[in-house]
Amino acid sequence: MHRSERLPRWMVGLVGIVALAGCAKNPTIITYKQKLNFGAYDADPSATPHNTQGGGFALYHIDSMKVPAQGTAYDFKRNKLYYGQTSMNGAALDYYLGNPSWLAKQQTVTPGTTLADLGCVVVQVGNDALQFIDYLLHDSAADNDSVLMSGTMDPNASIPAVNVAYPETLAQHCKP
């Protein structure tokens, strides 16, 4: 499917249910909201040489992670979340972002635990997707995870978009 083609909201839910049919019971549930789209990231506009990272990105707030009591421990890593292809993942800008307080941290969530307001991830979505609500996917292959991703955006919402984001732009938009 071309990146600019979007599934209707009801079909996304159906795809999620079908995908879960092959997964283990009691999946980890990750809820998130898309907070900002941006074309490029500039860590320091006054730096010489100047280094801006382009390619189209989206900022997602991780609202919660819940591992059911009957589930298995889940190791959260930003690079497990992606859009389009696994190389366009939540660690795409880590080198340039550094370690700001708003960035979701790697951690293990144990069975029977729900964590809230975990911070944000930045995922490359491509320049042609900047005007869309882009649903996050989860790469379960590496750790054989069973995860259900639940985007809580209003399908009619307008996602703020900027041409270039700076550290303060991302910090400002990374709120529940």
Protein backbone atom coordinates (compact mmCIF):
# COMPACT_ATOMS: atom_id res chain seq x y z
CA MET A 1 0.00 0.00 0.00
CA HIS A 2 1.34 3.42 -0.85
CA ARG A 3 2.12 5.55 2.16
CA SER A 4 -0.44 8.21 1.21
CA GLU A 5 -3.25 5.64 1.13
CA ARG A 6 -4.84 5.24 4.55
CA LEU A 7 -7.04 2.50 5.89
CA PRO A 8 -10.41 3.53 7.28
CA ARG A 9 -10.40 3.54 11.10
CA TRP A 10 -12.72 0.50 11.30
CA MET A 11 -10.41 -1.48 9.02
CA VAL A 12 -7.36 -0.65 11.14
CA GLY A 13 -9.18 -2.16 14.12
CA LEU A 14 -10.10 -5.22 12.07
CA VAL A 15 -6.49 -5.63 10.94
CA GLY A 16 -5.40 -5.43 14.59
CA ILE A 17 -7.88 -8.11 15.61
CA VAL A 18 -6.78 -10.37 12.76
CA ALA A 19 -3.14 -9.80 13.65
CA LEU A 20 -3.84 -10.68 17.26
CA ALA A 21 -5.42 -13.97 16.26
CA GLY A 22 -1.94 -15.36 15.56
CA CYS A 23 -0.37 -13.89 18.70
CA ALA A 24 -0.09 -15.32 22.16
CA LYS A 25 -2.93 -14.64 24.58
CA ASN A 26 -2.67 -11.72 26.99
CA PRO A 27 -0.64 -9.31 24.85
CA THR A 28 1.06 -6.20 26.18
CA ILE A 29 -1.11 -3.19 25.28
CA ILE A 30 0.61 0.05 24.29
CA THR A 31 -1.57 3.14 23.86
CA TYR A 32 -0.23 6.24 22.14
CA LYS A 33 -1.15 9.55 20.49
CA GLN A 34 0.49 11.23 17.53
CA LYS A 35 1.42 14.73 18.71
CA LEU A 36 3.39 16.40 15.91
CA ASN A 37 4.54 15.92 12.32
CA PHE A 38 7.75 17.60 11.15
CA GLY A 39 9.82 17.58 7.99
CA ALA A 40 13.28 17.95 9.55
CA TYR A 41 15.02 18.08 12.92
CA ASP A 42 17.64 20.69 13.80
CA ALA A 43 19.40 19.96 17.10
CA ASP A 44 21.35 23.24 17.08
CA PRO A 45 20.57 25.97 14.53
CA SER A 46 23.71 27.92 15.50
CA ALA A 47 26.13 24.99 15.08
CA THR A 48 28.95 25.10 12.54
CA PRO A 49 28.86 23.02 10.49
CA HIS A 50 25.09 23.04 10.47
CA ASN A 51 23.48 19.59 10.53
CA THR A 52 19.73 19.18 9.93
CA GLN A 53 18.16 15.71 9.67
CA GLY A 54 15.37 15.45 7.09
CA GLY A 55 13.06 12.75 5.84
CA GLY A 56 9.75 13.45 7.58
CA PHE A 57 9.08 12.49 11.20
CA ALA A 58 6.26 12.12 13.69
CA LEU A 59 6.35 12.55 17.45
CA TYR A 60 4.23 10.05 19.40
CA HIS A 61 3.41 10.18 23.11
CA ILE A 62 3.31 6.76 24.77
CA ASP A 63 0.28 7.11 27.02
CA SER A 64 0.47 3.71 28.70
CA MET A 65 1.85 0.19 28.63
CA LYS A 66 -0.08 -2.60 30.29
CA VAL A 67 1.10 -6.16 30.77
CA PRO A 68 -1.79 -8.37 31.95
CA ALA A 69 -1.22 -10.45 35.08
CA GLN A 70 -1.28 -13.58 32.90
CA GLY A 71 1.11 -12.02 30.34
CA THR A 72 4.88 -12.13 30.12
CA ALA A 73 7.36 -9.37 30.97
CA TYR A 74 7.81 -6.88 28.13
CA ASP A 75 11.09 -5.13 27.32
CA PHE A 76 10.21 -1.73 25.86
CA LYS A 77 12.71 -0.26 23.41
CA ARG A 78 12.01 2.70 21.12
CA ASN A 79 13.43 0.86 18.10
CA LYS A 80 10.58 -1.72 18.31
CA LEU A 81 8.06 0.96 17.26
CA TYR A 82 7.97 1.89 13.59
CA TYR A 83 6.00 3.17 10.65
CA GLY A 84 6.12 1.67 7.17
CA GLN A 85 9.29 -0.39 7.54
CA THR A 86 11.31 -1.46 10.56
CA SER A 87 14.24 0.80 9.63
CA MET A 88 11.90 3.80 10.13
CA ASN A 89 11.70 3.19 13.86
CA GLY A 90 11.50 5.01 17.17
CA ALA A 91 15.28 5.23 17.44
CA ALA A 92 15.69 6.98 14.06
CA LEU A 93 16.87 10.28 15.58
CA ASP A 94 18.35 9.02 18.88
CA TYR A 95 21.89 10.04 17.93
CA TYR A 96 20.77 13.62 17.30
CA LEU A 97 18.22 13.88 20.11
CA GLY A 98 20.62 12.93 22.89
CA ASN A 99 18.77 11.89 26.04
CA PRO A 100 16.16 14.58 26.83
CA SER A 101 13.84 14.02 29.79
CA TRP A 102 10.75 13.77 27.53
CA LEU A 103 12.11 10.79 25.52
CA ALA A 104 10.57 7.40 26.41
CA LYS A 105 13.19 5.28 28.16
CA GLN A 106 14.03 1.61 27.68
CA GLN A 107 12.49 -0.43 30.50
CA THR A 108 10.98 -3.77 31.44
CA VAL A 109 7.29 -3.91 32.31
CA THR A 110 6.36 -6.86 34.52
CA PRO A 111 3.11 -8.87 34.45
CA GLY A 112 0.22 -7.19 36.26
CA THR A 113 1.73 -3.72 35.75
CA THR A 114 0.39 -0.65 33.97
CA LEU A 115 2.70 2.30 33.41
CA ALA A 116 1.40 5.72 32.31
CA ASP A 117 2.90 8.81 30.65
CA LEU A 118 6.08 7.14 29.45
CA GLY A 119 7.31 9.98 27.27
CA CYS A 120 7.69 10.20 23.50
CA VAL A 121 9.30 8.50 20.54
CA VAL A 122 10.24 10.06 17.22
CA VAL A 123 9.58 7.87 14.18
CA GLN A 124 10.50 8.54 10.56
CA VAL A 125 7.32 8.57 8.46
CA GLY A 126 8.54 10.04 5.18
CA ASN A 127 7.80 13.48 3.77
CA ASP A 128 4.68 12.36 1.89
CA ALA A 129 3.02 11.28 5.15
CA LEU A 130 3.39 14.54 7.07
CA GLN A 131 -0.24 15.54 6.75
CA PHE A 132 -1.64 12.25 7.98
CA ILE A 133 -2.37 10.42 11.18
CA ASP A 134 0.18 7.61 10.98
CA TYR A 135 -0.40 4.47 13.02
CA LEU A 136 2.55 2.98 14.86
CA LEU A 137 3.49 -0.63 14.29
CA HIS A 138 5.43 -2.93 16.60
CA ASP A 139 8.33 -5.17 15.54
CA SER A 140 7.75 -8.32 17.58
CA ALA A 141 10.21 -10.49 15.66
CA ALA A 142 13.38 -9.72 17.62
CA ASP A 143 12.06 -10.65 21.07
CA ASN A 144 9.00 -12.67 20.04
CA ASP A 145 6.75 -10.15 21.83
CA SER A 146 2.97 -10.23 21.80
CA VAL A 147 1.86 -6.60 21.61
CA LEU A 148 -1.32 -4.75 20.68
CA MET A 149 -0.74 -1.13 19.58
CA SER A 150 -3.68 1.17 20.27
CA GLY A 151 -3.62 4.65 18.74
CA THR A 152 -6.03 6.89 20.61
CA MET A 153 -6.17 9.74 18.08
CA ASP A 154 -9.41 11.12 16.76
CA PRO A 155 -9.38 10.10 13.07
CA ASN A 156 -10.66 13.57 12.18
CA ALA A 157 -8.05 15.37 14.27
CA SER A 158 -5.61 17.77 12.73
CA ILE A 159 -2.05 16.86 13.72
CA PRO A 160 0.14 19.96 14.13
CA ALA A 161 2.91 20.10 11.52
CA VAL A 162 6.08 22.19 11.24
CA ASN A 163 8.75 22.25 8.56
CA VAL A 164 11.64 22.11 11.03
CA ALA A 165 11.49 20.99 14.67
CA TYR A 166 14.02 22.03 17.32
CA PRO A 167 14.65 20.44 20.75
CA GLU A 168 12.23 22.87 22.42
CA THR A 169 9.55 22.13 19.78
CA LEU A 170 9.61 18.43 20.62
CA ALA A 171 9.65 19.04 24.38
CA GLN A 172 6.66 21.40 24.04
CA HIS A 173 4.57 18.83 22.12
CA CYS A 174 5.52 15.77 24.18
CA LYS A 175 2.70 16.01 26.68
CA PRO A 176 -0.20 13.60 27.34
